[in-house]
Each structure stands twice: as C-alpha cells, then as structure tokens.
N, C-alpha and C. Protein backbone atom coordinates (compact mmCIF):
# COMPACT_ATOMS: atom_id res chain seq x y z
N MET A 1 -39.46 -18.21 -22.61
CA MET A 1 -38.02 -18.14 -22.72
C MET A 1 -37.47 -16.98 -21.89
N LYS A 2 -38.18 -15.84 -21.95
CA LYS A 2 -37.71 -14.67 -21.22
C LYS A 2 -37.68 -14.95 -19.71
N SER A 3 -38.69 -15.63 -19.19
CA SER A 3 -38.72 -15.92 -17.76
C SER A 3 -37.61 -16.89 -17.37
N PHE A 4 -37.23 -17.80 -18.30
CA PHE A 4 -36.13 -18.73 -18.05
C PHE A 4 -34.80 -17.97 -17.92
N VAL A 5 -34.57 -16.99 -18.79
CA VAL A 5 -33.35 -16.18 -18.74
C VAL A 5 -33.30 -15.38 -17.45
N VAL A 6 -34.44 -14.81 -17.04
CA VAL A 6 -34.51 -14.06 -15.80
C VAL A 6 -34.23 -14.98 -14.61
N ALA A 7 -34.79 -16.18 -14.64
CA ALA A 7 -34.57 -17.15 -13.56
C ALA A 7 -33.09 -17.52 -13.47
N LEU A 8 -32.44 -17.77 -14.60
CA LEU A 8 -31.01 -18.08 -14.62
C LEU A 8 -30.19 -16.91 -14.08
N ALA A 9 -30.55 -15.70 -14.48
CA ALA A 9 -29.84 -14.52 -14.00
C ALA A 9 -29.95 -14.39 -12.49
N LEU A 10 -31.12 -14.66 -11.94
CA LEU A 10 -31.30 -14.58 -10.49
C LEU A 10 -30.52 -15.67 -9.76
N ILE A 11 -30.43 -16.85 -10.36
CA ILE A 11 -29.69 -17.95 -9.74
C ILE A 11 -28.20 -17.67 -9.72
N PHE A 12 -27.67 -17.17 -10.83
CA PHE A 12 -26.23 -16.97 -10.95
C PHE A 12 -25.75 -15.60 -10.49
N ALA A 13 -26.63 -14.66 -10.27
CA ALA A 13 -26.23 -13.32 -9.86
C ALA A 13 -25.45 -13.31 -8.54
N PRO A 14 -25.87 -14.03 -7.50
CA PRO A 14 -25.08 -14.00 -6.26
C PRO A 14 -23.66 -14.50 -6.46
N ALA A 15 -23.47 -15.53 -7.29
CA ALA A 15 -22.11 -16.03 -7.54
C ALA A 15 -21.27 -14.98 -8.26
N ALA A 16 -21.86 -14.29 -9.21
CA ALA A 16 -21.12 -13.26 -9.95
C ALA A 16 -20.80 -12.08 -9.04
N LEU A 17 -21.76 -11.69 -8.21
CA LEU A 17 -21.53 -10.56 -7.32
C LEU A 17 -20.50 -10.88 -6.24
N ALA A 18 -20.39 -12.15 -5.86
CA ALA A 18 -19.44 -12.54 -4.82
C ALA A 18 -18.00 -12.32 -5.24
N GLN A 19 -17.74 -12.11 -6.50
CA GLN A 19 -16.39 -11.87 -6.98
C GLN A 19 -15.92 -10.46 -6.66
N HIS A 20 -16.84 -9.53 -6.50
CA HIS A 20 -16.51 -8.14 -6.16
C HIS A 20 -16.46 -8.04 -4.64
N GLN A 21 -15.29 -7.68 -4.11
CA GLN A 21 -15.15 -7.60 -2.68
C GLN A 21 -14.41 -6.33 -2.27
N THR A 22 -14.52 -6.00 -0.99
CA THR A 22 -13.84 -4.84 -0.43
C THR A 22 -12.96 -5.29 0.73
N PHE A 23 -11.72 -4.84 0.71
CA PHE A 23 -10.76 -5.08 1.79
C PHE A 23 -10.69 -3.78 2.58
N ALA A 24 -11.33 -3.75 3.75
CA ALA A 24 -11.32 -2.58 4.63
C ALA A 24 -10.12 -2.71 5.55
N ILE A 25 -9.17 -1.79 5.43
CA ILE A 25 -7.91 -1.87 6.17
C ILE A 25 -8.10 -1.33 7.59
N ASP A 26 -7.62 -2.10 8.55
CA ASP A 26 -7.62 -1.69 9.96
C ASP A 26 -6.33 -0.88 10.17
N ALA A 27 -6.47 0.42 10.25
CA ALA A 27 -5.30 1.31 10.35
C ALA A 27 -4.46 1.04 11.59
N ASP A 28 -5.10 0.66 12.69
CA ASP A 28 -4.36 0.42 13.93
C ASP A 28 -3.55 -0.87 13.90
N ALA A 29 -3.95 -1.83 13.07
CA ALA A 29 -3.24 -3.11 12.99
C ALA A 29 -2.25 -3.15 11.82
N SER A 30 -2.24 -2.11 11.01
CA SER A 30 -1.41 -2.07 9.80
C SER A 30 -0.26 -1.07 9.97
N ASP A 31 0.80 -1.23 9.17
CA ASP A 31 1.88 -0.26 9.22
C ASP A 31 2.74 -0.31 7.96
N VAL A 32 3.59 0.69 7.87
CA VAL A 32 4.57 0.78 6.80
C VAL A 32 5.93 0.92 7.47
N LYS A 33 6.83 0.01 7.15
CA LYS A 33 8.18 0.09 7.71
C LYS A 33 9.12 0.52 6.60
N MET A 34 10.13 1.29 6.97
CA MET A 34 11.12 1.75 6.01
C MET A 34 12.51 1.37 6.49
N LYS A 35 13.41 1.20 5.52
CA LYS A 35 14.80 0.92 5.86
C LYS A 35 15.68 1.72 4.90
N LEU A 36 16.54 2.57 5.46
CA LEU A 36 17.45 3.40 4.68
C LEU A 36 18.88 3.06 5.09
N ASN A 37 19.66 2.59 4.14
CA ASN A 37 21.06 2.28 4.41
C ASN A 37 21.89 3.56 4.34
N THR A 38 22.78 3.71 5.33
CA THR A 38 23.69 4.85 5.36
C THR A 38 25.10 4.34 5.62
N THR A 39 26.07 5.23 5.53
CA THR A 39 27.46 4.83 5.76
C THR A 39 27.73 4.43 7.20
N HIS A 40 26.93 4.88 8.13
CA HIS A 40 27.19 4.63 9.55
C HIS A 40 26.18 3.72 10.24
N GLU A 41 25.02 3.55 9.64
CA GLU A 41 23.98 2.75 10.28
C GLU A 41 22.88 2.44 9.28
N VAL A 42 22.02 1.54 9.69
CA VAL A 42 20.79 1.30 8.94
C VAL A 42 19.68 2.00 9.72
N VAL A 43 19.00 2.92 9.05
CA VAL A 43 17.92 3.66 9.70
C VAL A 43 16.61 2.92 9.42
N ASN A 44 15.97 2.45 10.49
CA ASN A 44 14.67 1.78 10.39
C ASN A 44 13.61 2.71 10.96
N GLY A 45 12.46 2.70 10.33
CA GLY A 45 11.38 3.54 10.81
C GLY A 45 10.03 2.92 10.52
N THR A 46 9.01 3.47 11.15
CA THR A 46 7.63 3.00 10.96
C THR A 46 6.73 4.21 10.74
N PHE A 47 5.82 4.07 9.79
CA PHE A 47 4.81 5.08 9.51
C PHE A 47 3.44 4.50 9.81
N HIS A 48 2.51 5.35 10.16
CA HIS A 48 1.14 4.95 10.50
C HIS A 48 0.24 5.03 9.27
N ILE A 49 -0.51 3.96 9.04
CA ILE A 49 -1.56 3.98 8.01
C ILE A 49 -2.69 4.85 8.55
N GLN A 50 -3.08 5.83 7.78
CA GLN A 50 -4.18 6.71 8.20
C GLN A 50 -5.53 6.07 7.90
N SER A 51 -5.65 5.51 6.68
CA SER A 51 -6.90 4.86 6.27
C SER A 51 -6.65 4.07 5.00
N GLY A 52 -7.61 3.22 4.67
CA GLY A 52 -7.48 2.49 3.42
C GLY A 52 -8.63 1.54 3.18
N SER A 53 -8.97 1.41 1.91
CA SER A 53 -10.00 0.48 1.47
C SER A 53 -9.69 0.12 0.02
N ILE A 54 -9.72 -1.18 -0.27
CA ILE A 54 -9.41 -1.66 -1.61
C ILE A 54 -10.59 -2.48 -2.12
N ASN A 55 -11.08 -2.14 -3.29
CA ASN A 55 -12.13 -2.91 -3.96
C ASN A 55 -11.48 -3.75 -5.04
N PHE A 56 -11.85 -5.02 -5.12
CA PHE A 56 -11.24 -5.88 -6.13
C PHE A 56 -12.24 -6.88 -6.67
N ASP A 57 -11.92 -7.40 -7.84
CA ASP A 57 -12.74 -8.40 -8.53
C ASP A 57 -11.83 -9.58 -8.83
N ARG A 58 -12.15 -10.72 -8.28
CA ARG A 58 -11.33 -11.92 -8.48
C ARG A 58 -11.33 -12.40 -9.93
N THR A 59 -12.34 -12.02 -10.71
CA THR A 59 -12.48 -12.56 -12.06
C THR A 59 -11.92 -11.68 -13.16
N ALA A 60 -11.60 -10.43 -12.87
CA ALA A 60 -11.26 -9.52 -13.97
C ALA A 60 -10.04 -8.65 -13.74
N SER A 61 -9.26 -8.89 -12.72
CA SER A 61 -8.06 -8.10 -12.40
C SER A 61 -8.36 -6.62 -12.16
N HIS A 62 -9.62 -6.31 -11.84
CA HIS A 62 -9.98 -4.93 -11.51
C HIS A 62 -9.72 -4.69 -10.03
N ILE A 63 -9.09 -3.58 -9.75
CA ILE A 63 -8.80 -3.21 -8.37
C ILE A 63 -8.82 -1.69 -8.29
N SER A 64 -9.33 -1.18 -7.19
CA SER A 64 -9.37 0.27 -7.00
C SER A 64 -9.34 0.56 -5.50
N GLY A 65 -9.30 1.81 -5.17
CA GLY A 65 -9.28 2.21 -3.78
C GLY A 65 -8.04 3.02 -3.49
N ILE A 66 -7.69 3.10 -2.20
CA ILE A 66 -6.52 3.89 -1.82
C ILE A 66 -6.05 3.48 -0.42
N VAL A 67 -4.75 3.54 -0.23
CA VAL A 67 -4.13 3.38 1.08
C VAL A 67 -3.43 4.71 1.36
N ILE A 68 -3.79 5.32 2.49
CA ILE A 68 -3.25 6.64 2.85
C ILE A 68 -2.39 6.52 4.10
N VAL A 69 -1.17 7.05 4.01
CA VAL A 69 -0.22 7.04 5.11
C VAL A 69 -0.04 8.48 5.60
N ALA A 70 -0.05 8.65 6.91
CA ALA A 70 0.20 9.97 7.51
C ALA A 70 1.69 10.27 7.37
N ALA A 71 2.05 11.21 6.51
CA ALA A 71 3.47 11.50 6.22
C ALA A 71 4.25 11.89 7.47
N GLY A 72 3.64 12.62 8.38
CA GLY A 72 4.33 13.09 9.57
C GLY A 72 4.39 12.07 10.71
N SER A 73 3.92 10.85 10.47
CA SER A 73 3.89 9.85 11.53
C SER A 73 5.16 9.02 11.62
N GLY A 74 6.12 9.26 10.74
CA GLY A 74 7.34 8.46 10.71
C GLY A 74 8.17 8.58 11.98
N LYS A 75 8.54 7.45 12.52
CA LYS A 75 9.36 7.40 13.73
C LYS A 75 10.56 6.49 13.47
N THR A 76 11.77 7.03 13.69
CA THR A 76 12.99 6.27 13.48
C THR A 76 13.77 6.03 14.77
N GLY A 77 13.26 6.51 15.88
CA GLY A 77 13.96 6.36 17.15
C GLY A 77 14.91 7.51 17.45
N ASN A 78 14.88 8.56 16.62
CA ASN A 78 15.74 9.72 16.82
C ASN A 78 14.89 10.96 16.52
N ASP A 79 14.49 11.67 17.56
CA ASP A 79 13.57 12.80 17.40
C ASP A 79 14.10 13.88 16.47
N SER A 80 15.38 14.23 16.56
CA SER A 80 15.92 15.29 15.69
C SER A 80 15.94 14.83 14.23
N ARG A 81 16.25 13.57 13.99
CA ARG A 81 16.22 13.03 12.62
C ARG A 81 14.79 13.04 12.09
N ASP A 82 13.82 12.67 12.94
CA ASP A 82 12.43 12.65 12.52
C ASP A 82 11.93 14.05 12.18
N LYS A 83 12.33 15.05 12.97
CA LYS A 83 11.94 16.44 12.68
C LYS A 83 12.51 16.90 11.35
N LYS A 84 13.78 16.54 11.08
CA LYS A 84 14.41 16.91 9.81
C LYS A 84 13.72 16.19 8.65
N MET A 85 13.39 14.91 8.83
CA MET A 85 12.70 14.15 7.80
C MET A 85 11.35 14.79 7.48
N ASN A 86 10.61 15.15 8.52
CA ASN A 86 9.29 15.75 8.31
C ASN A 86 9.37 17.12 7.65
N LYS A 87 10.31 17.95 8.10
CA LYS A 87 10.40 19.32 7.60
C LYS A 87 11.09 19.41 6.23
N ASP A 88 12.27 18.84 6.12
CA ASP A 88 13.10 19.06 4.93
C ASP A 88 12.90 18.03 3.81
N ILE A 89 12.53 16.81 4.16
CA ILE A 89 12.45 15.76 3.14
C ILE A 89 11.01 15.50 2.73
N LEU A 90 10.14 15.19 3.70
CA LEU A 90 8.74 14.89 3.37
C LEU A 90 7.86 16.14 3.29
N LYS A 91 8.34 17.26 3.80
CA LYS A 91 7.61 18.54 3.74
C LYS A 91 6.15 18.37 4.18
N VAL A 92 5.98 17.81 5.38
CA VAL A 92 4.64 17.46 5.85
C VAL A 92 3.72 18.67 6.03
N ASP A 93 4.28 19.87 6.17
CA ASP A 93 3.42 21.06 6.25
C ASP A 93 2.65 21.28 4.95
N GLN A 94 3.25 20.89 3.83
CA GLN A 94 2.61 21.03 2.52
C GLN A 94 1.93 19.74 2.07
N PHE A 95 2.50 18.59 2.44
CA PHE A 95 2.03 17.30 1.94
C PHE A 95 1.82 16.36 3.13
N ALA A 96 0.61 16.38 3.68
CA ALA A 96 0.32 15.64 4.92
C ALA A 96 0.21 14.13 4.72
N THR A 97 0.00 13.71 3.48
CA THR A 97 -0.19 12.27 3.25
C THR A 97 0.67 11.76 2.11
N ILE A 98 0.90 10.46 2.16
CA ILE A 98 1.52 9.68 1.09
C ILE A 98 0.48 8.62 0.75
N SER A 99 0.28 8.31 -0.52
CA SER A 99 -0.78 7.35 -0.83
C SER A 99 -0.40 6.41 -1.97
N PHE A 100 -1.11 5.30 -2.00
CA PHE A 100 -1.01 4.35 -3.12
C PHE A 100 -2.43 4.02 -3.54
N ALA A 101 -2.71 4.22 -4.84
CA ALA A 101 -4.01 3.91 -5.41
C ALA A 101 -3.83 2.80 -6.45
N PRO A 102 -4.23 1.56 -6.12
CA PRO A 102 -4.08 0.46 -7.07
C PRO A 102 -5.03 0.61 -8.25
N LYS A 103 -4.58 0.14 -9.42
CA LYS A 103 -5.39 0.24 -10.65
C LYS A 103 -5.65 -1.14 -11.27
N THR A 104 -4.64 -2.01 -11.29
CA THR A 104 -4.78 -3.35 -11.86
C THR A 104 -3.92 -4.32 -11.07
N TYR A 105 -4.17 -5.61 -11.28
CA TYR A 105 -3.29 -6.61 -10.70
C TYR A 105 -3.13 -7.77 -11.67
N ASN A 106 -1.98 -8.44 -11.55
CA ASN A 106 -1.71 -9.66 -12.31
C ASN A 106 -1.60 -10.79 -11.33
N GLY A 107 -2.16 -11.93 -11.70
CA GLY A 107 -2.15 -13.10 -10.83
C GLY A 107 -3.56 -13.48 -10.47
N THR A 108 -3.67 -14.47 -9.62
CA THR A 108 -4.97 -14.99 -9.21
C THR A 108 -5.12 -14.81 -7.71
N ILE A 109 -6.26 -14.29 -7.30
CA ILE A 109 -6.57 -14.13 -5.89
C ILE A 109 -7.46 -15.30 -5.47
N ALA A 110 -6.92 -16.17 -4.63
CA ALA A 110 -7.67 -17.33 -4.14
C ALA A 110 -8.75 -16.88 -3.16
N ALA A 111 -9.84 -17.64 -3.09
CA ALA A 111 -10.94 -17.32 -2.18
C ALA A 111 -10.53 -17.48 -0.72
N SER A 112 -9.56 -18.37 -0.45
CA SER A 112 -9.05 -18.53 0.90
C SER A 112 -7.59 -18.97 0.81
N GLY A 113 -6.87 -18.77 1.90
CA GLY A 113 -5.46 -19.14 1.92
C GLY A 113 -4.59 -18.06 1.30
N ASP A 114 -3.48 -18.51 0.70
CA ASP A 114 -2.45 -17.59 0.21
C ASP A 114 -2.50 -17.37 -1.30
N SER A 115 -2.16 -16.15 -1.70
CA SER A 115 -2.04 -15.77 -3.11
C SER A 115 -0.87 -14.80 -3.24
N THR A 116 -0.25 -14.79 -4.41
CA THR A 116 0.78 -13.81 -4.73
C THR A 116 0.36 -13.12 -6.02
N ILE A 117 0.31 -11.79 -5.97
CA ILE A 117 -0.08 -11.01 -7.13
C ILE A 117 0.88 -9.82 -7.29
N GLN A 118 0.81 -9.18 -8.44
CA GLN A 118 1.54 -7.94 -8.72
C GLN A 118 0.49 -6.84 -8.85
N VAL A 119 0.55 -5.85 -7.98
CA VAL A 119 -0.42 -4.76 -7.98
C VAL A 119 0.23 -3.51 -8.57
N SER A 120 -0.37 -2.99 -9.63
CA SER A 120 0.13 -1.76 -10.27
C SER A 120 -0.82 -0.61 -9.95
N GLY A 121 -0.22 0.54 -9.70
CA GLY A 121 -1.04 1.69 -9.38
C GLY A 121 -0.21 2.95 -9.32
N VAL A 122 -0.74 3.94 -8.62
CA VAL A 122 -0.12 5.25 -8.53
C VAL A 122 0.27 5.53 -7.08
N PHE A 123 1.57 5.77 -6.88
CA PHE A 123 2.14 6.11 -5.58
C PHE A 123 2.35 7.62 -5.58
N THR A 124 1.71 8.32 -4.66
CA THR A 124 1.80 9.78 -4.61
C THR A 124 2.65 10.21 -3.42
N LEU A 125 3.72 10.94 -3.74
CA LEU A 125 4.69 11.40 -2.75
C LEU A 125 5.02 12.86 -3.07
N LEU A 126 4.96 13.73 -2.08
CA LEU A 126 5.12 15.18 -2.27
C LEU A 126 4.18 15.71 -3.34
N GLY A 127 2.98 15.15 -3.38
CA GLY A 127 1.96 15.61 -4.31
C GLY A 127 2.19 15.19 -5.75
N THR A 128 3.20 14.40 -6.02
CA THR A 128 3.50 13.96 -7.39
C THR A 128 3.20 12.48 -7.53
N ALA A 129 2.50 12.12 -8.60
CA ALA A 129 2.12 10.73 -8.85
C ALA A 129 3.23 9.99 -9.59
N HIS A 130 3.47 8.74 -9.16
CA HIS A 130 4.48 7.88 -9.77
C HIS A 130 3.87 6.50 -9.99
N ASP A 131 4.05 5.95 -11.19
CA ASP A 131 3.59 4.58 -11.45
C ASP A 131 4.46 3.62 -10.67
N LEU A 132 3.84 2.62 -10.05
CA LEU A 132 4.57 1.66 -9.23
C LEU A 132 3.86 0.32 -9.26
N THR A 133 4.64 -0.76 -9.33
CA THR A 133 4.10 -2.11 -9.22
C THR A 133 4.68 -2.75 -7.98
N ILE A 134 3.81 -3.31 -7.15
CA ILE A 134 4.21 -3.89 -5.87
C ILE A 134 3.85 -5.37 -5.86
N PRO A 135 4.83 -6.25 -5.63
CA PRO A 135 4.50 -7.66 -5.43
C PRO A 135 3.83 -7.81 -4.05
N MET A 136 2.68 -8.46 -4.02
CA MET A 136 1.92 -8.59 -2.77
C MET A 136 1.64 -10.05 -2.46
N GLN A 137 1.80 -10.40 -1.20
CA GLN A 137 1.40 -11.71 -0.70
C GLN A 137 0.13 -11.48 0.11
N ILE A 138 -0.92 -12.18 -0.29
CA ILE A 138 -2.23 -11.98 0.33
C ILE A 138 -2.63 -13.27 1.04
N HIS A 139 -3.27 -13.12 2.18
CA HIS A 139 -3.79 -14.27 2.90
C HIS A 139 -5.22 -13.98 3.35
N PHE A 140 -6.14 -14.89 3.01
CA PHE A 140 -7.53 -14.79 3.45
C PHE A 140 -7.82 -15.93 4.41
N ASP A 141 -8.44 -15.60 5.54
CA ASP A 141 -8.89 -16.59 6.51
C ASP A 141 -10.30 -16.16 6.92
N GLY A 142 -11.29 -16.70 6.21
CA GLY A 142 -12.67 -16.25 6.41
C GLY A 142 -12.77 -14.80 5.96
N SER A 143 -13.25 -13.93 6.85
CA SER A 143 -13.36 -12.51 6.48
C SER A 143 -12.10 -11.73 6.84
N LYS A 144 -11.15 -12.37 7.52
CA LYS A 144 -9.90 -11.69 7.88
C LYS A 144 -8.93 -11.78 6.71
N ALA A 145 -8.17 -10.69 6.51
CA ALA A 145 -7.22 -10.66 5.39
C ALA A 145 -5.96 -9.89 5.78
N THR A 146 -4.85 -10.32 5.18
CA THR A 146 -3.60 -9.58 5.28
C THR A 146 -3.02 -9.44 3.88
N ALA A 147 -2.35 -8.34 3.65
CA ALA A 147 -1.65 -8.10 2.39
C ALA A 147 -0.29 -7.52 2.75
N LYS A 148 0.76 -8.18 2.26
CA LYS A 148 2.12 -7.74 2.56
C LYS A 148 2.87 -7.52 1.25
N GLY A 149 3.64 -6.45 1.22
CA GLY A 149 4.42 -6.15 0.03
C GLY A 149 5.73 -5.47 0.40
N GLN A 150 6.75 -5.77 -0.38
CA GLN A 150 8.04 -5.12 -0.20
C GLN A 150 8.44 -4.50 -1.53
N PHE A 151 8.93 -3.25 -1.47
CA PHE A 151 9.31 -2.56 -2.69
C PHE A 151 10.30 -1.45 -2.35
N ILE A 152 10.89 -0.90 -3.38
CA ILE A 152 11.88 0.17 -3.25
C ILE A 152 11.28 1.48 -3.77
N VAL A 153 11.49 2.54 -3.02
CA VAL A 153 11.09 3.89 -3.46
C VAL A 153 12.37 4.65 -3.79
N PRO A 154 12.55 5.03 -5.06
CA PRO A 154 13.72 5.83 -5.45
C PRO A 154 13.47 7.30 -5.11
N TYR A 155 13.48 7.61 -3.84
CA TYR A 155 13.00 8.91 -3.37
C TYR A 155 13.77 10.10 -3.94
N VAL A 156 15.07 9.96 -4.15
CA VAL A 156 15.84 11.07 -4.72
C VAL A 156 15.44 11.27 -6.19
N GLN A 157 15.31 10.18 -6.93
CA GLN A 157 14.87 10.26 -8.33
C GLN A 157 13.48 10.89 -8.42
N TRP A 158 12.67 10.70 -7.39
CA TRP A 158 11.32 11.25 -7.36
C TRP A 158 11.25 12.66 -6.79
N GLY A 159 12.39 13.28 -6.56
CA GLY A 159 12.40 14.69 -6.19
C GLY A 159 12.57 15.00 -4.72
N LEU A 160 12.78 14.00 -3.87
CA LEU A 160 13.00 14.28 -2.46
C LEU A 160 14.47 14.52 -2.21
N LYS A 161 14.76 15.24 -1.14
CA LYS A 161 16.13 15.58 -0.78
C LYS A 161 16.80 14.39 -0.08
N ASN A 162 18.03 14.10 -0.46
CA ASN A 162 18.83 13.10 0.23
C ASN A 162 19.33 13.73 1.53
N PRO A 163 19.18 13.03 2.68
CA PRO A 163 19.55 13.62 3.97
C PRO A 163 21.05 13.56 4.28
N SER A 164 21.89 13.17 3.34
CA SER A 164 23.33 13.07 3.59
C SER A 164 23.89 14.42 4.04
N PHE A 165 24.88 14.36 4.93
CA PHE A 165 25.60 15.56 5.34
C PHE A 165 27.01 15.14 5.78
N MET A 166 27.96 16.01 5.51
CA MET A 166 29.37 15.80 5.83
C MET A 166 29.81 14.38 5.44
N ILE A 167 30.23 13.57 6.40
CA ILE A 167 30.69 12.22 6.04
C ILE A 167 29.59 11.17 6.18
N TRP A 168 28.42 11.56 6.67
CA TRP A 168 27.28 10.65 6.81
C TRP A 168 26.53 10.64 5.48
N ARG A 169 26.52 9.52 4.79
CA ARG A 169 25.89 9.40 3.48
C ARG A 169 24.74 8.40 3.52
N ALA A 170 23.64 8.77 2.88
CA ALA A 170 22.46 7.91 2.80
C ALA A 170 22.26 7.46 1.36
N ASP A 171 21.74 6.24 1.19
CA ASP A 171 21.38 5.75 -0.15
C ASP A 171 20.30 6.64 -0.76
N ASN A 172 20.17 6.58 -2.07
CA ASN A 172 19.14 7.35 -2.77
C ASN A 172 17.80 6.63 -2.86
N ASP A 173 17.75 5.39 -2.36
CA ASP A 173 16.52 4.59 -2.38
C ASP A 173 16.21 4.15 -0.96
N VAL A 174 14.93 3.98 -0.66
CA VAL A 174 14.51 3.48 0.64
C VAL A 174 13.66 2.23 0.43
N ALA A 175 13.92 1.20 1.24
CA ALA A 175 13.15 -0.05 1.16
C ALA A 175 11.89 0.10 2.02
N ILE A 176 10.77 -0.34 1.46
CA ILE A 176 9.49 -0.23 2.14
C ILE A 176 8.93 -1.64 2.36
N ASP A 177 8.39 -1.86 3.55
CA ASP A 177 7.74 -3.11 3.92
C ASP A 177 6.32 -2.74 4.34
N LEU A 178 5.34 -3.09 3.51
CA LEU A 178 3.95 -2.73 3.72
C LEU A 178 3.22 -3.91 4.35
N ASN A 179 2.51 -3.67 5.45
CA ASN A 179 1.75 -4.72 6.13
C ASN A 179 0.33 -4.19 6.38
N LEU A 180 -0.62 -4.74 5.62
CA LEU A 180 -2.01 -4.31 5.73
C LEU A 180 -2.84 -5.44 6.34
N VAL A 181 -3.66 -5.11 7.33
CA VAL A 181 -4.51 -6.08 8.01
C VAL A 181 -5.92 -5.52 7.97
N GLY A 182 -6.90 -6.38 7.73
CA GLY A 182 -8.27 -5.90 7.73
C GLY A 182 -9.29 -6.98 7.50
N GLN A 183 -10.46 -6.55 7.06
CA GLN A 183 -11.62 -7.43 6.84
C GLN A 183 -12.05 -7.35 5.38
N VAL A 184 -12.48 -8.49 4.85
CA VAL A 184 -12.99 -8.55 3.49
C VAL A 184 -14.49 -8.78 3.55
N SER A 185 -15.21 -8.03 2.72
CA SER A 185 -16.66 -8.20 2.64
C SER A 185 -17.10 -8.12 1.18
N ASN A 186 -18.28 -8.65 0.94
CA ASN A 186 -18.86 -8.61 -0.43
C ASN A 186 -19.60 -7.31 -0.62
C-alpha cells in the first residue's frame, strides 16, 4: 500500500507543481504611465520599471513578489516640472524606489489566454506602506505574459505634496496605467 501511495504521489506531483509559477518581468518592455489632471492641462508621464518578479499559484490565490519602479525615472516632457516632482514631491534623494508587493488575488488565472483578477497587496510610496487592490488583465501566450492594471493613487492623502501653485491647480489623485511584460516559468 505504501508503495502505491508513493507511486501516486510521483505521478501527480508534476501536475501539482505546475500550478506554482513565476512571472519574471522584463523591465525594458514594461512601464508605468501616470496621468494628472490640472486646471490648464493633463500631465502625462512615464516611469521606468527597475525590476520585478511575481510568484503565483493558480490553485490557491497565493501570490508574492515585488514590482520596483525607479522613482526618479519619471518623465513628463517638461524638465523643470520633472526636477520639481523628483525633489519636492517624490523626494527621490531619500526614497529612490516605489514598489508594489502583491499578497493575494481574487479570480481565476487561466493557463493560457486572458484572465481578469483583483490583486491586493502593499504599495510603498515615500517609504510608507499602503494597502491597495489593483484590477489586472492578464494574458498568457505560451511562456510570454502581460499584466495590465489601471488604478488611482490618492497621493495627497498618502502624504505627498500637491504641486499646485498660484492659479495652476492639480488634482489630489493621479491615475496609473501599469503595463508589465515578461516570461512565465514553473
């Protein structure tokens, strides 16, 4: 009987292990876009993903890892605005990175094709952790994967300075468009 149980375990072990996978993010193919509404214009910008790797289990909603963004990489098309953003708002001299560490997800991750899930985790900005849930659209094509999410960061509520001055006013929230591209492996 014992050898039968061991034989079954060996037969089914690869299938069970195949549920645990790693999404290695290609930093050069991925980005974070931001949109800030102001009284005079819409400010669009892009930040560079520094690194990232996500481990997940299709069977148990377990997810872990981290996505790290270089805080000083933000580009809005206006050098003086970018310098002010880096120095006064993001304080990149003290806080070089912004990160998201997923903890759980709701929904089903398909083995191939498209899936929509809700990823909950910790978003760290200016060294302070904030709970955040991000709706994500995931696409698997063989070992290639993309994960896209859109969410709002209430940056003023989270302790960052609003860049408004004189008659130029900025919203207290910034819209984020996350685009992650990479490879999935077992």
